[in-house]
Amino acid sequence: MTVAGRMMVLAAVVFAGALGCKKEVHVGVECVTEETGVKCTVTHQSGEVAAKACWDFIIHCENGEEVKVSSCASVQPKKSVEQHLPLSPADIARCGKATSAEAANLVLSEAE
């Protein structure tokens, strides 16, 4: 199962600082399908606070099925991390041919 191309989702969130200051953080999530799963790169684009990003990656299949994998990753300021989201053989068989993919439900919070 493959989906041609790449998809990217960008989000911003405002964190309340310890002194009542507000800190804006921008985190990008870019995902690419692979033979056995999805590789996502989470990039801390701006801001001074580490962030935790959680998202769903949904693959739409020609037969009407959808395959969803979810993940979270913490990323430090000005850094990137990679996440591999595996797909089970059953999910790959159930989907057959993928027609498109999207990220959904992206939520950012302050990393612990």
Protein backbone atom coordinates (compact mmCIF):
# COMPACT_ATOMS: atom_id res chain seq x y z
CA MET A 1 0.00 0.00 0.00
CA THR A 2 1.46 3.35 -0.97
CA VAL A 3 0.23 6.90 -1.20
CA ALA A 4 2.07 9.16 -3.61
CA GLY A 5 3.49 12.42 -2.34
CA ARG A 6 3.79 14.02 1.06
CA MET A 7 1.45 15.77 3.42
CA MET A 8 2.23 18.42 5.99
CA VAL A 9 0.27 19.85 8.89
CA LEU A 10 1.27 22.99 10.80
CA ALA A 11 -0.23 24.16 14.07
CA ALA A 12 0.33 26.83 16.69
CA VAL A 13 -0.62 26.91 20.34
CA VAL A 14 -0.23 29.44 23.15
CA PHE A 15 1.13 28.16 26.48
CA ALA A 16 0.59 30.01 29.77
CA GLY A 17 4.00 30.63 31.34
CA ALA A 18 4.79 30.34 35.05
CA LEU A 19 4.69 34.12 35.47
CA GLY A 20 1.53 34.61 33.48
CA CYS A 21 3.48 35.27 30.28
CA LYS A 22 2.20 33.72 27.07
CA LYS A 23 4.60 31.79 24.88
CA GLU A 24 3.67 30.92 21.31
CA VAL A 25 5.07 27.72 19.84
CA HIS A 26 4.92 26.56 16.22
CA VAL A 27 5.41 22.86 15.47
CA GLY A 28 5.27 21.23 12.04
CA VAL A 29 4.42 17.57 11.40
CA GLU A 30 5.31 16.09 8.01
CA CYS A 31 4.40 12.49 7.21
CA VAL A 32 5.36 10.20 4.34
CA THR A 33 3.92 6.74 3.74
CA GLU A 34 6.35 3.83 3.50
CA GLU A 35 5.91 0.15 2.65
CA THR A 36 5.17 -0.95 6.24
CA GLY A 37 3.97 2.26 7.86
CA VAL A 38 4.23 6.01 8.06
CA LYS A 39 7.32 8.09 8.84
CA CYS A 40 6.57 11.44 10.46
CA THR A 41 9.03 14.23 11.19
CA VAL A 42 8.06 16.64 13.96
CA THR A 43 9.89 19.98 13.76
CA HIS A 44 9.91 22.72 16.41
CA GLN A 45 9.73 25.77 14.16
CA SER A 46 9.58 28.65 16.61
CA GLY A 47 9.18 29.46 20.28
CA GLU A 48 11.28 28.78 23.35
CA VAL A 49 9.27 26.01 25.04
CA ALA A 50 9.53 22.28 24.32
CA ALA A 51 6.27 20.95 22.86
CA LYS A 52 4.43 17.63 22.68
CA ALA A 53 2.50 17.04 19.45
CA CYS A 54 -0.14 14.30 19.10
CA TRP A 55 -1.91 13.49 15.83
CA ASP A 56 -3.78 10.88 13.79
CA PHE A 57 -2.64 9.86 10.32
CA ILE A 58 -5.56 8.60 8.24
CA ILE A 59 -5.15 6.68 5.00
CA HIS A 60 -8.19 6.63 2.69
CA CYS A 61 -8.53 3.45 0.65
CA GLU A 62 -10.01 2.84 -2.79
CA ASN A 63 -12.46 0.31 -1.29
CA GLY A 64 -13.89 2.93 1.11
CA GLU A 65 -11.97 1.72 4.18
CA GLU A 66 -9.85 4.02 6.33
CA VAL A 67 -6.72 3.02 8.20
CA LYS A 68 -5.75 5.23 11.15
CA VAL A 69 -2.54 5.32 13.15
CA SER A 70 -1.89 7.73 16.01
CA SER A 71 1.26 9.03 17.64
CA CYS A 72 2.75 11.63 19.96
CA ALA A 73 6.24 13.11 20.04
CA SER A 74 8.00 15.66 22.21
CA VAL A 75 10.37 18.05 20.51
CA GLN A 76 12.83 20.59 21.89
CA PRO A 77 13.13 24.16 20.53
CA LYS A 78 14.80 24.32 17.09
CA LYS A 79 15.04 20.49 16.89
CA SER A 80 13.32 17.71 14.93
CA VAL A 81 12.38 14.14 15.84
CA GLU A 82 11.24 11.25 13.65
CA GLN A 83 8.44 8.85 14.50
CA HIS A 84 7.70 5.62 12.65
CA LEU A 85 4.06 4.58 12.86
CA PRO A 86 3.83 0.91 11.84
CA LEU A 87 0.87 -0.50 9.93
CA SER A 88 -0.17 -4.07 10.66
CA PRO A 89 -0.30 -6.59 7.79
CA ALA A 90 -4.05 -6.84 8.46
CA ASP A 91 -4.48 -3.07 7.98
CA ILE A 92 -2.45 -3.15 4.77
CA ALA A 93 -4.55 -6.05 3.43
CA ARG A 94 -7.82 -4.42 4.53
CA CYS A 95 -6.97 -1.22 2.68
CA GLY A 96 -5.67 -2.67 -0.56
CA LYS A 97 -4.95 0.46 -2.59
CA ALA A 98 -4.59 3.82 -0.85
CA THR A 99 -5.99 6.85 -2.65
CA SER A 100 -5.06 9.67 -0.25
CA ALA A 101 -3.85 10.39 3.26
CA GLU A 102 -4.23 13.16 5.81
CA ALA A 103 -3.21 14.18 9.29
CA ALA A 104 -6.03 15.04 11.64
CA ASN A 105 -6.65 15.95 15.25
CA LEU A 106 -3.27 17.62 15.78
CA VAL A 107 -3.00 18.72 19.42
CA LEU A 108 -0.05 20.55 20.97
CA SER A 109 0.78 20.79 24.65
CA GLU A 110 3.79 21.75 26.70
CA ALA A 111 6.27 18.88 26.93
CA GLU A 112 6.89 17.51 30.40
